[in-house]
Amino acid sequence: MKIPEYASSALFDDRERLALEYADRITFTDQDVSDEFFDCLKQVFNDDELVELTATIAWENCSSKFNRAFRIESQELWSCTREQPDDD
């Protein structure tokens, strides 16, 4: 599965989809975190969770840019541990 398919994937619950949309809105310059969207986030995540989520997204964006500039390849440290549900 490609991550752009998160919105329709059964691998993610609604809370995870919201966090991934937030990451998209922070990451892509053609998107925005509107006041309305942030209000939706605050209904699902508490203040501490929002700070941690935002910091993690920002760090990953920074790290990605840094690594790309220095041609640092992925260390393959992440692996998906969830199994994809059967389509039966």
PDB file of N, CA and C in Angstrom:
ATOM      1  N   MET A   1       0.838  -1.178   0.000  1.00  0.00           N
ATOM      2  CA  MET A   1       0.000   0.000   0.000  1.00  0.00           C
ATOM      3  C   MET A   1       0.884   1.242   0.000  1.00  0.00           C
ATOM      4  N   LYS A   2       0.526   2.198  -0.798  1.00  0.00           N
ATOM      5  CA  LYS A   2       1.203   3.488  -0.797  1.00  0.00           C
ATOM      6  C   LYS A   2       0.502   4.387   0.215  1.00  0.00           C
ATOM      7  N   ILE A   3       1.279   5.220   0.871  1.00  0.00           N
ATOM      8  CA  ILE A   3       0.706   6.082   1.909  1.00  0.00           C
ATOM      9  C   ILE A   3      -0.378   7.014   1.374  1.00  0.00           C
ATOM     10  N   PRO A   4      -0.332   7.477   0.104  1.00  0.00           N
ATOM     11  CA  PRO A   4      -1.422   8.337  -0.361  1.00  0.00           C
ATOM     12  C   PRO A   4      -2.797   7.662  -0.306  1.00  0.00           C
ATOM     13  N   GLU A   5      -2.819   6.370  -0.154  1.00  0.00           N
ATOM     14  CA  GLU A   5      -4.081   5.635  -0.091  1.00  0.00           C
ATOM     15  C   GLU A   5      -4.630   5.537   1.340  1.00  0.00           C
ATOM     16  N   TYR A   6      -4.031   6.254   2.278  1.00  0.00           N
ATOM     17  CA  TYR A   6      -4.445   6.137   3.675  1.00  0.00           C
ATOM     18  C   TYR A   6      -5.915   6.482   3.893  1.00  0.00           C
ATOM     19  N   ALA A   7      -6.431   7.404   3.104  1.00  0.00           N
ATOM     20  CA  ALA A   7      -7.807   7.875   3.310  1.00  0.00           C
ATOM     21  C   ALA A   7      -8.840   6.784   3.071  1.00  0.00           C
ATOM     22  N   SER A   8      -8.488   5.808   2.259  1.00  0.00           N
ATOM     23  CA  SER A   8      -9.451   4.747   1.948  1.00  0.00           C
ATOM     24  C   SER A   8      -8.995   3.375   2.448  1.00  0.00           C
ATOM     25  N   SER A   9      -7.880   3.310   3.131  1.00  0.00           N
ATOM     26  CA  SER A   9      -7.334   2.030   3.576  1.00  0.00           C
ATOM     27  C   SER A   9      -7.957   1.575   4.894  1.00  0.00           C
ATOM     28  N   ALA A  10      -8.210   0.294   4.977  1.00  0.00           N
ATOM     29  CA  ALA A  10      -8.712  -0.297   6.219  1.00  0.00           C
ATOM     30  C   ALA A  10      -7.602  -0.461   7.258  1.00  0.00           C
ATOM     31  N   LEU A  11      -6.368  -0.172   6.882  1.00  0.00           N
ATOM     32  CA  LEU A  11      -5.248  -0.290   7.815  1.00  0.00           C
ATOM     33  C   LEU A  11      -5.228   0.833   8.852  1.00  0.00           C
ATOM     34  N   PHE A  12      -5.959   1.923   8.582  1.00  0.00           N
ATOM     35  CA  PHE A  12      -5.945   3.079   9.473  1.00  0.00           C
ATOM     36  C   PHE A  12      -7.336   3.345  10.020  1.00  0.00           C
ATOM     37  N   ASP A  13      -7.391   3.737  11.284  1.00  0.00           N
ATOM     38  CA  ASP A  13      -8.678   4.140  11.851  1.00  0.00           C
ATOM     39  C   ASP A  13      -8.868   5.644  11.613  1.00  0.00           C
ATOM     40  N   ASP A  14     -10.009   6.179  12.025  1.00  0.00           N
ATOM     41  CA  ASP A  14     -10.323   7.581  11.761  1.00  0.00           C
ATOM     42  C   ASP A  14      -9.309   8.534  12.396  1.00  0.00           C
ATOM     43  N   ARG A  15      -8.862   8.219  13.588  1.00  0.00           N
ATOM     44  CA  ARG A  15      -7.887   9.064  14.293  1.00  0.00           C
ATOM     45  C   ARG A  15      -6.558   9.093  13.532  1.00  0.00           C
ATOM     46  N   GLU A  16      -6.130   7.931  13.067  1.00  0.00           N
ATOM     47  CA  GLU A  16      -4.882   7.854  12.307  1.00  0.00           C
ATOM     48  C   GLU A  16      -5.011   8.581  10.966  1.00  0.00           C
ATOM     49  N   ARG A  17      -6.157   8.447  10.317  1.00  0.00           N
ATOM     50  CA  ARG A  17      -6.376   9.158   9.057  1.00  0.00           C
ATOM     51  C   ARG A  17      -6.310  10.674   9.264  1.00  0.00           C
ATOM     52  N   LEU A  18      -6.871  11.149  10.366  1.00  0.00           N
ATOM     53  CA  LEU A  18      -6.833  12.573  10.675  1.00  0.00           C
ATOM     54  C   LEU A  18      -5.390  13.034  10.886  1.00  0.00           C
ATOM     55  N   ALA A  19      -4.606  12.250  11.603  1.00  0.00           N
ATOM     56  CA  ALA A  19      -3.194  12.586  11.828  1.00  0.00           C
ATOM     57  C   ALA A  19      -2.426  12.602  10.510  1.00  0.00           C
ATOM     58  N   LEU A  20      -2.706  11.655   9.631  1.00  0.00           N
ATOM     59  CA  LEU A  20      -2.034  11.618   8.331  1.00  0.00           C
ATOM     60  C   LEU A  20      -2.450  12.792   7.450  1.00  0.00           C
ATOM     61  N   GLU A  21      -3.717  13.173   7.515  1.00  0.00           N
ATOM     62  CA  GLU A  21      -4.149  14.353   6.768  1.00  0.00           C
ATOM     63  C   GLU A  21      -3.456  15.593   7.317  1.00  0.00           C
ATOM     64  N   TYR A  22      -3.317  15.681   8.612  1.00  0.00           N
ATOM     65  CA  TYR A  22      -2.604  16.791   9.242  1.00  0.00           C
ATOM     66  C   TYR A  22      -1.164  16.847   8.727  1.00  0.00           C
ATOM     67  N   ALA A  23      -0.517  15.692   8.671  1.00  0.00           N
ATOM     68  CA  ALA A  23       0.847  15.630   8.142  1.00  0.00           C
ATOM     69  C   ALA A  23       0.895  16.131   6.700  1.00  0.00           C
ATOM     70  N   ASP A  24      -0.062  15.719   5.894  1.00  0.00           N
ATOM     71  CA  ASP A  24      -0.119  16.210   4.512  1.00  0.00           C
ATOM     72  C   ASP A  24      -0.272  17.725   4.477  1.00  0.00           C
ATOM     73  N   ARG A  25      -1.168  18.242   5.300  1.00  0.00           N
ATOM     74  CA  ARG A  25      -1.445  19.684   5.289  1.00  0.00           C
ATOM     75  C   ARG A  25      -0.233  20.493   5.767  1.00  0.00           C
ATOM     76  N   ILE A  26       0.551  19.946   6.669  1.00  0.00           N
ATOM     77  CA  ILE A  26       1.766  20.623   7.121  1.00  0.00           C
ATOM     78  C   ILE A  26       2.867  20.501   6.067  1.00  0.00           C
ATOM     79  N   THR A  27       2.948  19.362   5.437  1.00  0.00           N
ATOM     80  CA  THR A  27       4.064  19.044   4.547  1.00  0.00           C
ATOM     81  C   THR A  27       3.958  19.687   3.174  1.00  0.00           C
ATOM     82  N   PHE A  28       2.782  19.634   2.567  1.00  0.00           N
ATOM     83  CA  PHE A  28       2.629  20.091   1.194  1.00  0.00           C
ATOM     84  C   PHE A  28       2.292  21.579   1.154  1.00  0.00           C
ATOM     85  N   THR A  29       3.047  22.341   0.383  1.00  0.00           N
ATOM     86  CA  THR A  29       2.887  23.788   0.365  1.00  0.00           C
ATOM     87  C   THR A  29       1.577  24.229  -0.272  1.00  0.00           C
ATOM     88  N   ASP A  30       0.949  23.366  -1.048  1.00  0.00           N
ATOM     89  CA  ASP A  30      -0.324  23.744  -1.661  1.00  0.00           C
ATOM     90  C   ASP A  30      -1.514  23.452  -0.745  1.00  0.00           C
ATOM     91  N   GLN A  31      -1.234  23.033   0.488  1.00  0.00           N
ATOM     92  CA  GLN A  31      -2.294  22.753   1.455  1.00  0.00           C
ATOM     93  C   GLN A  31      -2.110  23.656   2.676  1.00  0.00           C
ATOM     94  N   ASP A  32      -3.146  23.719   3.500  1.00  0.00           N
ATOM     95  CA  ASP A  32      -3.109  24.584   4.669  1.00  0.00           C
ATOM     96  C   ASP A  32      -3.799  23.903   5.842  1.00  0.00           C
ATOM     97  N   VAL A  33      -3.380  24.248   7.028  1.00  0.00           N
ATOM     98  CA  VAL A  33      -4.069  23.822   8.242  1.00  0.00           C
ATOM     99  C   VAL A  33      -5.013  24.963   8.602  1.00  0.00           C
ATOM    100  N   SER A  34      -6.223  24.869   8.104  1.00  0.00           N
ATOM    101  CA  SER A  34      -7.216  25.920   8.355  1.00  0.00           C
ATOM    102  C   SER A  34      -7.654  25.892   9.823  1.00  0.00           C
ATOM    103  N   ASP A  35      -8.266  26.971  10.242  1.00  0.00           N
ATOM    104  CA  ASP A  35      -8.805  27.023  11.605  1.00  0.00           C
ATOM    105  C   ASP A  35      -9.835  25.919  11.816  1.00  0.00           C
ATOM    106  N   GLU A  36     -10.649  25.669  10.811  1.00  0.00           N
ATOM    107  CA  GLU A  36     -11.685  24.624  10.904  1.00  0.00           C
ATOM    108  C   GLU A  36     -11.052  23.245  11.067  1.00  0.00           C
ATOM    109  N   PHE A  37     -10.002  22.978  10.285  1.00  0.00           N
ATOM    110  CA  PHE A  37      -9.341  21.682  10.400  1.00  0.00           C
ATOM    111  C   PHE A  37      -8.674  21.539  11.764  1.00  0.00           C
ATOM    112  N   PHE A  38      -8.034  22.610  12.240  1.00  0.00           N
ATOM    113  CA  PHE A  38      -7.394  22.554  13.547  1.00  0.00           C
ATOM    114  C   PHE A  38      -8.414  22.320  14.655  1.00  0.00           C
ATOM    115  N   ASP A  39      -9.608  22.894  14.505  1.00  0.00           N
ATOM    116  CA  ASP A  39     -10.680  22.635  15.471  1.00  0.00           C
ATOM    117  C   ASP A  39     -11.062  21.156  15.480  1.00  0.00           C
ATOM    118  N   CYS A  40     -11.070  20.523  14.298  1.00  0.00           N
ATOM    119  CA  CYS A  40     -11.334  19.078  14.220  1.00  0.00           C
ATOM    120  C   CYS A  40     -10.249  18.290  14.955  1.00  0.00           C
ATOM    121  N   LEU A  41      -9.007  18.703  14.756  1.00  0.00           N
ATOM    122  CA  LEU A  41      -7.902  18.035  15.445  1.00  0.00           C
ATOM    123  C   LEU A  41      -8.061  18.133  16.953  1.00  0.00           C
ATOM    124  N   LYS A  42      -8.449  19.320  17.443  1.00  0.00           N
ATOM    125  CA  LYS A  42      -8.584  19.534  18.886  1.00  0.00           C
ATOM    126  C   LYS A  42      -9.726  18.718  19.490  1.00  0.00           C
ATOM    127  N   GLN A  43     -10.645  18.272  18.682  1.00  0.00           N
ATOM    128  CA  GLN A  43     -11.726  17.417  19.177  1.00  0.00           C
ATOM    129  C   GLN A  43     -11.254  15.982  19.374  1.00  0.00           C
ATOM    130  N   VAL A  44     -10.152  15.616  18.713  1.00  0.00           N
ATOM    131  CA  VAL A  44      -9.659  14.239  18.736  1.00  0.00           C
ATOM    132  C   VAL A  44      -8.372  14.096  19.561  1.00  0.00           C
ATOM    133  N   PHE A  45      -7.522  15.113  19.501  1.00  0.00           N
ATOM    134  CA  PHE A  45      -6.228  15.080  20.186  1.00  0.00           C
ATOM    135  C   PHE A  45      -6.188  16.146  21.280  1.00  0.00           C
ATOM    136  N   ASN A  46      -5.596  15.811  22.425  1.00  0.00           N
ATOM    137  CA  ASN A  46      -5.432  16.813  23.476  1.00  0.00           C
ATOM    138  C   ASN A  46      -4.215  17.692  23.145  1.00  0.00           C
ATOM    139  N   ASP A  47      -3.982  18.727  23.947  1.00  0.00           N
ATOM    140  CA  ASP A  47      -2.904  19.677  23.661  1.00  0.00           C
ATOM    141  C   ASP A  47      -1.536  19.003  23.588  1.00  0.00           C
ATOM    142  N   ASP A  48      -1.247  18.128  24.539  1.00  0.00           N
ATOM    143  CA  ASP A  48       0.047  17.439  24.538  1.00  0.00           C
ATOM    144  C   ASP A  48       0.216  16.578  23.287  1.00  0.00           C
ATOM    145  N   GLU A  49      -0.833  15.887  22.901  1.00  0.00           N
ATOM    146  CA  GLU A  49      -0.773  15.054  21.696  1.00  0.00           C
ATOM    147  C   GLU A  49      -0.564  15.898  20.447  1.00  0.00           C
ATOM    148  N   LEU A  50      -1.221  17.048  20.376  1.00  0.00           N
ATOM    149  CA  LEU A  50      -1.046  17.932  19.221  1.00  0.00           C
ATOM    150  C   LEU A  50       0.375  18.476  19.135  1.00  0.00           C
ATOM    151  N   VAL A  51       0.948  18.838  20.265  1.00  0.00           N
ATOM    152  CA  VAL A  51       2.330  19.315  20.268  1.00  0.00           C
ATOM    153  C   VAL A  51       3.264  18.211  19.796  1.00  0.00           C
ATOM    154  N   GLU A  52       3.091  17.010  20.337  1.00  0.00           N
ATOM    155  CA  GLU A  52       3.954  15.888  19.957  1.00  0.00           C
ATOM    156  C   GLU A  52       3.771  15.527  18.484  1.00  0.00           C
ATOM    157  N   LEU A  53       2.544  15.487  18.026  1.00  0.00           N
ATOM    158  CA  LEU A  53       2.265  15.154  16.631  1.00  0.00           C
ATOM    159  C   LEU A  53       2.880  16.197  15.696  1.00  0.00           C
ATOM    160  N   THR A  54       2.691  17.474  16.021  1.00  0.00           N
ATOM    161  CA  THR A  54       3.221  18.549  15.197  1.00  0.00           C
ATOM    162  C   THR A  54       4.750  18.525  15.184  1.00  0.00           C
ATOM    163  N   ALA A  55       5.360  18.323  16.336  1.00  0.00           N
ATOM    164  CA  ALA A  55       6.819  18.264  16.416  1.00  0.00           C
ATOM    165  C   ALA A  55       7.370  17.085  15.618  1.00  0.00           C
ATOM    166  N   THR A  56       6.699  15.953  15.693  1.00  0.00           N
ATOM    167  CA  THR A  56       7.154  14.772  14.959  1.00  0.00           C
ATOM    168  C   THR A  56       7.059  14.997  13.457  1.00  0.00           C
ATOM    169  N   ILE A  57       5.964  15.566  13.004  1.00  0.00           N
ATOM    170  CA  ILE A  57       5.795  15.848  11.578  1.00  0.00           C
ATOM    171  C   ILE A  57       6.859  16.843  11.118  1.00  0.00           C
ATOM    172  N   ALA A  58       7.057  17.910  11.889  1.00  0.00           N
ATOM    173  CA  ALA A  58       8.050  18.921  11.529  1.00  0.00           C
ATOM    174  C   ALA A  58       9.455  18.320  11.491  1.00  0.00           C
ATOM    175  N   TRP A  59       9.771  17.477  12.480  1.00  0.00           N
ATOM    176  CA  TRP A  59      11.084  16.832  12.508  1.00  0.00           C
ATOM    177  C   TRP A  59      11.282  15.938  11.287  1.00  0.00           C
ATOM    178  N   GLU A  60      10.285  15.158  10.949  1.00  0.00           N
ATOM    179  CA  GLU A  60      10.402  14.269   9.787  1.00  0.00           C
ATOM    180  C   GLU A  60      10.573  15.057   8.497  1.00  0.00           C
ATOM    181  N   ASN A  61       9.875  16.189   8.389  1.00  0.00           N
ATOM    182  CA  ASN A  61      10.047  17.044   7.215  1.00  0.00           C
ATOM    183  C   ASN A  61      11.468  17.603   7.150  1.00  0.00           C
ATOM    184  N   CYS A  62      11.971  18.080   8.276  1.00  0.00           N
ATOM    185  CA  CYS A  62      13.330  18.609   8.340  1.00  0.00           C
ATOM    186  C   CYS A  62      14.349  17.519   8.015  1.00  0.00           C
ATOM    187  N   SER A  63      14.189  16.380   8.631  1.00  0.00           N
ATOM    188  CA  SER A  63      15.098  15.259   8.417  1.00  0.00           C
ATOM    189  C   SER A  63      15.104  14.825   6.960  1.00  0.00           C
ATOM    190  N   SER A  64      13.937  14.779   6.355  1.00  0.00           N
ATOM    191  CA  SER A  64      13.827  14.395   4.948  1.00  0.00           C
ATOM    192  C   SER A  64      14.600  15.354   4.049  1.00  0.00           C
ATOM    193  N   LYS A  65      14.439  16.643   4.268  1.00  0.00           N
ATOM    194  CA  LYS A  65      15.147  17.654   3.470  1.00  0.00           C
ATOM    195  C   LYS A  65      16.656  17.566   3.688  1.00  0.00           C
ATOM    196  N   PHE A  66      17.075  17.410   4.934  1.00  0.00           N
ATOM    197  CA  PHE A  66      18.488  17.295   5.273  1.00  0.00           C
ATOM    198  C   PHE A  66      19.098  16.075   4.593  1.00  0.00           C
ATOM    199  N   ASN A  67      18.441  14.921   4.748  1.00  0.00           N
ATOM    200  CA  ASN A  67      18.960  13.687   4.169  1.00  0.00           C
ATOM    201  C   ASN A  67      19.017  13.754   2.646  1.00  0.00           C
ATOM    202  N   ARG A  68      18.022  14.358   2.041  1.00  0.00           N
ATOM    203  CA  ARG A  68      18.011  14.468   0.590  1.00  0.00           C
ATOM    204  C   ARG A  68      19.177  15.329   0.116  1.00  0.00           C
ATOM    205  N   ALA A  69      19.430  16.432   0.791  1.00  0.00           N
ATOM    206  CA  ALA A  69      20.524  17.321   0.399  1.00  0.00           C
ATOM    207  C   ALA A  69      21.886  16.623   0.474  1.00  0.00           C
ATOM    208  N   PHE A  70      22.069  15.771   1.472  1.00  0.00           N
ATOM    209  CA  PHE A  70      23.335  15.069   1.647  1.00  0.00           C
ATOM    210  C   PHE A  70      23.339  13.666   1.033  1.00  0.00           C
ATOM    211  N   ARG A  71      22.263  13.350   0.309  1.00  0.00           N
ATOM    212  CA  ARG A  71      22.154  12.050  -0.378  1.00  0.00           C
ATOM    213  C   ARG A  71      22.271  10.878   0.596  1.00  0.00           C
ATOM    214  N   ILE A  72      21.685  11.050   1.756  1.00  0.00           N
ATOM    215  CA  ILE A  72      21.689   9.990   2.758  1.00  0.00           C
ATOM    216  C   ILE A  72      20.509   9.065   2.472  1.00  0.00           C
ATOM    217  N   GLU A  73      20.802   7.822   2.222  1.00  0.00           N
ATOM    218  CA  GLU A  73      19.779   6.833   1.890  1.00  0.00           C
ATOM    219  C   GLU A  73      19.057   6.353   3.151  1.00  0.00           C
ATOM    220  N   SER A  74      17.867   5.821   2.958  1.00  0.00           N
ATOM    221  CA  SER A  74      17.101   5.247   4.057  1.00  0.00           C
ATOM    222  C   SER A  74      17.895   4.123   4.717  1.00  0.00           C
ATOM    223  N   GLN A  75      17.792   4.058   6.026  1.00  0.00           N
ATOM    224  CA  GLN A  75      18.452   2.992   6.776  1.00  0.00           C
ATOM    225  C   GLN A  75      17.540   1.773   6.948  1.00  0.00           C
ATOM    226  N   GLU A  76      16.333   1.854   6.358  1.00  0.00           N
ATOM    227  CA  GLU A  76      15.381   0.734   6.403  1.00  0.00           C
ATOM    228  C   GLU A  76      15.064   0.316   7.840  1.00  0.00           C
ATOM    229  N   LEU A  77      14.953   1.293   8.749  1.00  0.00           N
ATOM    230  CA  LEU A  77      14.679   0.990  10.145  1.00  0.00           C
ATOM    231  C   LEU A  77      13.199   0.752  10.425  1.00  0.00           C
ATOM    232  N   TRP A  78      12.339   1.203   9.519  1.00  0.00           N
ATOM    233  CA  TRP A  78      10.908   1.071   9.708  1.00  0.00           C
ATOM    234  C   TRP A  78      10.403  -0.119   8.909  1.00  0.00           C
ATOM    235  N   SER A  79       9.514  -0.879   9.513  1.00  0.00           N
ATOM    236  CA  SER A  79       8.836  -1.931   8.762  1.00  0.00           C
ATOM    237  C   SER A  79       7.399  -2.000   9.250  1.00  0.00           C
ATOM    238  N   CYS A  80       6.509  -2.293   8.345  1.00  0.00           N
ATOM    239  CA  CYS A  80       5.087  -2.366   8.686  1.00  0.00           C
ATOM    240  C   CYS A  80       4.844  -3.638   9.475  1.00  0.00           C
ATOM    241  N   THR A  81       4.252  -3.509  10.651  1.00  0.00           N
ATOM    242  CA  THR A  81       3.994  -4.683  11.472  1.00  0.00           C
ATOM    243  C   THR A  81       2.541  -5.126  11.401  1.00  0.00           C
ATOM    244  N   ARG A  82       1.707  -4.271  10.813  1.00  0.00           N
ATOM    245  CA  ARG A  82       0.304  -4.639  10.688  1.00  0.00           C
ATOM    246  C   ARG A  82       0.101  -5.492   9.447  1.00  0.00           C
ATOM    247  N   GLU A  83      -0.785  -6.432   9.576  1.00  0.00           N
ATOM    248  CA  GLU A  83      -1.118  -7.230   8.412  1.00  0.00           C
ATOM    249  C   GLU A  83      -2.312  -6.594   7.723  1.00  0.00           C
ATOM    250  N   GLN A  84      -2.276  -6.624   6.406  1.00  0.00           N
ATOM    251  CA  GLN A  84      -3.375  -6.061   5.649  1.00  0.00           C
ATOM    252  C   GLN A  84      -4.591  -6.985   5.791  1.00  0.00           C
ATOM    253  N   PRO A  85      -5.792  -6.430   6.041  1.00  0.00           N
ATOM    254  CA  PRO A  85      -6.976  -7.264   6.196  1.00  0.00           C
ATOM    255  C   PRO A  85      -7.329  -7.978   4.903  1.00  0.00           C
ATOM    256  N   ASP A  86      -7.922  -9.144   5.090  1.00  0.00           N
ATOM    257  CA  ASP A  86      -8.384  -9.900   3.922  1.00  0.00           C
ATOM    258  C   ASP A  86      -9.539  -9.177   3.275  1.00  0.00           C
ATOM    259  N   ASP A  87      -9.642  -9.282   1.962  1.00  0.00           N
ATOM    260  CA  ASP A  87     -10.747  -8.662   1.223  1.00  0.00           C
ATOM    261  C   ASP A  87     -11.946  -9.600   1.070  1.00  0.00           C
ATOM    262  N   ASP A  88     -11.963 -10.661   1.868  1.00  0.00           N
ATOM    263  CA  ASP A  88     -13.063 -11.645   1.755  1.00  0.00           C
ATOM    264  C   ASP A  88     -14.389 -11.049   2.108  1.00  0.00           C
TER     265      ASP A  88
END
